[in-house]
Amino acid sequence: MSGTITSFSHINRRVRNMDETIDFYTRHLGFYLLRRFLRGERESAYIGLGDVLFELFVAADASELPREGEGRLGLTVTGLDDVVARLRAAGIEVVEEPAVMTTFWGRQASIRDPNGYQIALREWEAPDG
């Protein structure tokens, strides 16, 4: 028997408002909308970045978003200071300012999406990345 795991297929995320979430990720973070669909009564969508799909679905109880302990998404960026300045100018909350990290070579900042989730913006330096 042979076979290998080659990459991520998709990542799921519960959201409050589908239109607002799609707009945030496509307009500000460079994602693309692949499709929107209904699964039963639940509104869902696939947005992508590179070859990874982010599957969004409207939460049954949006007051619980985000749930404690739900991890943050990490994105790789170039020009971290410029990216943070552009997002801040667009009214996006910067949760952590750009800073040198101790767990990898590079710097990181983080923002918050419309659903309350943190998104780490990581700019790698050699030998990492």
Protein backbone atom coordinates (compact mmCIF):
# COMPACT_ATOMS: atom_id res chain seq x y z
CA MET A 1 0.00 0.00 0.00
CA SER A 2 1.37 3.44 -0.88
CA GLY A 3 0.24 6.98 -0.52
CA THR A 4 1.35 10.25 0.98
CA ILE A 5 -0.16 13.31 2.54
CA THR A 6 0.88 16.21 0.34
CA SER A 7 -0.65 19.44 1.65
CA PHE A 8 -3.55 21.08 3.42
CA SER A 9 -6.89 20.65 1.68
CA HIS A 10 -8.94 23.21 3.60
CA ILE A 11 -9.38 24.88 6.97
CA ASN A 12 -12.81 25.58 8.53
CA ARG A 13 -13.87 28.79 10.23
CA ARG A 14 -17.23 29.77 11.77
CA VAL A 15 -18.22 33.36 11.00
CA ARG A 16 -20.88 35.88 12.04
CA ASN A 17 -21.60 37.46 8.65
CA MET A 18 -20.60 35.87 5.35
CA ASP A 19 -20.57 39.06 3.24
CA GLU A 20 -18.43 40.99 5.75
CA THR A 21 -16.00 38.08 6.15
CA ILE A 22 -15.56 37.50 2.42
CA ASP A 23 -15.04 41.22 1.86
CA PHE A 24 -12.42 41.42 4.64
CA TYR A 25 -10.35 38.48 3.42
CA THR A 26 -10.59 39.25 -0.31
CA ARG A 27 -10.21 43.03 -0.16
CA HIS A 28 -7.57 43.32 2.56
CA LEU A 29 -5.67 40.02 2.68
CA GLY A 30 -5.50 38.87 -0.94
CA PHE A 31 -7.80 35.84 -0.75
CA TYR A 32 -10.06 34.96 -3.69
CA LEU A 33 -13.67 33.77 -3.61
CA LEU A 34 -14.03 30.33 -5.15
CA ARG A 35 -17.72 29.72 -4.44
CA ARG A 36 -20.65 30.34 -2.10
CA PHE A 37 -23.21 27.65 -1.41
CA LEU A 38 -25.90 26.43 0.94
CA ARG A 39 -25.45 23.16 2.79
CA GLY A 40 -28.98 22.54 3.97
CA GLU A 41 -29.87 25.84 5.63
CA ARG A 42 -26.26 26.78 6.47
CA GLU A 43 -24.59 29.46 4.35
CA SER A 44 -21.04 28.50 3.40
CA ALA A 45 -18.23 29.65 1.12
CA TYR A 46 -14.78 28.67 -0.05
CA ILE A 47 -12.18 31.41 -0.19
CA GLY A 48 -8.59 30.63 -1.09
CA LEU A 49 -5.04 31.83 -0.70
CA GLY A 50 -2.56 30.07 -2.92
CA ASP A 51 -3.71 26.47 -3.07
CA VAL A 52 -5.28 26.34 0.42
CA LEU A 53 -9.04 26.70 0.81
CA PHE A 54 -10.59 28.41 3.79
CA GLU A 55 -14.11 27.02 4.28
CA LEU A 56 -16.37 29.57 5.93
CA PHE A 57 -19.77 28.82 7.41
CA VAL A 58 -22.20 31.02 9.31
CA ALA A 59 -22.30 30.01 12.98
CA ALA A 60 -25.61 29.01 14.50
CA ASP A 61 -24.91 31.24 17.51
CA ALA A 62 -22.65 34.12 16.46
CA SER A 63 -22.45 35.42 20.03
CA GLU A 64 -19.92 32.64 20.78
CA LEU A 65 -17.37 33.80 18.18
CA PRO A 66 -14.55 33.23 18.56
CA ARG A 67 -14.68 30.40 21.06
CA GLU A 68 -11.99 30.45 23.70
CA GLY A 69 -9.03 28.37 22.65
CA GLU A 70 -9.66 28.56 18.90
CA GLY A 71 -6.30 29.10 17.27
CA ARG A 72 -5.34 32.00 15.16
CA LEU A 73 -4.55 31.88 11.49
CA GLY A 74 -0.98 32.64 10.41
CA LEU A 75 -0.15 34.30 7.09
CA THR A 76 3.26 34.89 5.52
CA VAL A 77 3.92 38.47 4.37
CA THR A 78 6.68 40.53 2.84
CA GLY A 79 7.11 44.14 3.87
CA LEU A 80 5.47 43.64 7.27
CA ASP A 81 5.58 47.33 8.25
CA ASP A 82 3.90 48.38 4.99
CA VAL A 83 1.24 45.67 5.30
CA VAL A 84 0.42 46.68 8.88
CA ALA A 85 0.28 50.38 7.92
CA ARG A 86 -2.08 49.62 4.99
CA LEU A 87 -4.39 47.50 7.15
CA ARG A 88 -4.42 50.07 9.96
CA ALA A 89 -5.30 52.83 7.46
CA ALA A 90 -8.23 50.67 6.32
CA GLY A 91 -9.54 50.62 9.90
CA ILE A 92 -8.43 47.08 10.74
CA GLU A 93 -7.51 46.50 14.39
CA VAL A 94 -3.82 45.81 14.94
CA VAL A 95 -3.64 43.58 18.03
CA GLU A 96 0.15 43.17 18.17
CA GLU A 97 2.60 45.61 16.62
CA PRO A 98 5.46 44.24 14.49
CA ALA A 99 8.10 42.72 16.74
CA VAL A 100 11.13 40.45 16.54
CA MET A 101 10.18 36.94 17.64
CA THR A 102 12.19 34.51 19.75
CA THR A 103 10.68 31.27 18.44
CA PHE A 104 11.70 31.80 14.79
CA TRP A 105 13.90 34.10 12.71
CA GLY A 106 11.79 37.05 11.66
CA ARG A 107 9.12 39.43 12.83
CA GLN A 108 5.42 39.15 13.45
CA ALA A 109 2.37 41.33 14.02
CA SER A 110 -1.27 40.38 14.40
CA ILE A 111 -4.63 41.82 13.41
CA ARG A 112 -8.24 40.90 14.20
CA ASP A 113 -10.81 39.87 11.60
CA PRO A 114 -14.51 40.91 11.73
CA ASN A 115 -15.35 37.74 13.68
CA GLY A 116 -12.87 38.41 16.48
CA TYR A 117 -10.22 35.92 15.34
CA GLN A 118 -6.56 36.94 15.49
CA ILE A 119 -4.46 36.65 12.34
CA ALA A 120 -0.69 36.50 12.71
CA LEU A 121 1.27 38.23 9.96
CA ARG A 122 4.73 36.68 9.81
CA GLU A 123 7.72 37.99 7.88
CA TRP A 124 10.39 35.29 7.77
CA GLU A 125 14.14 35.84 7.84
CA ALA A 126 16.88 33.32 7.06
CA PRO A 127 17.45 30.63 8.10
CA ASP A 128 13.68 30.18 8.64
CA GLY A 129 10.99 30.65 6.02
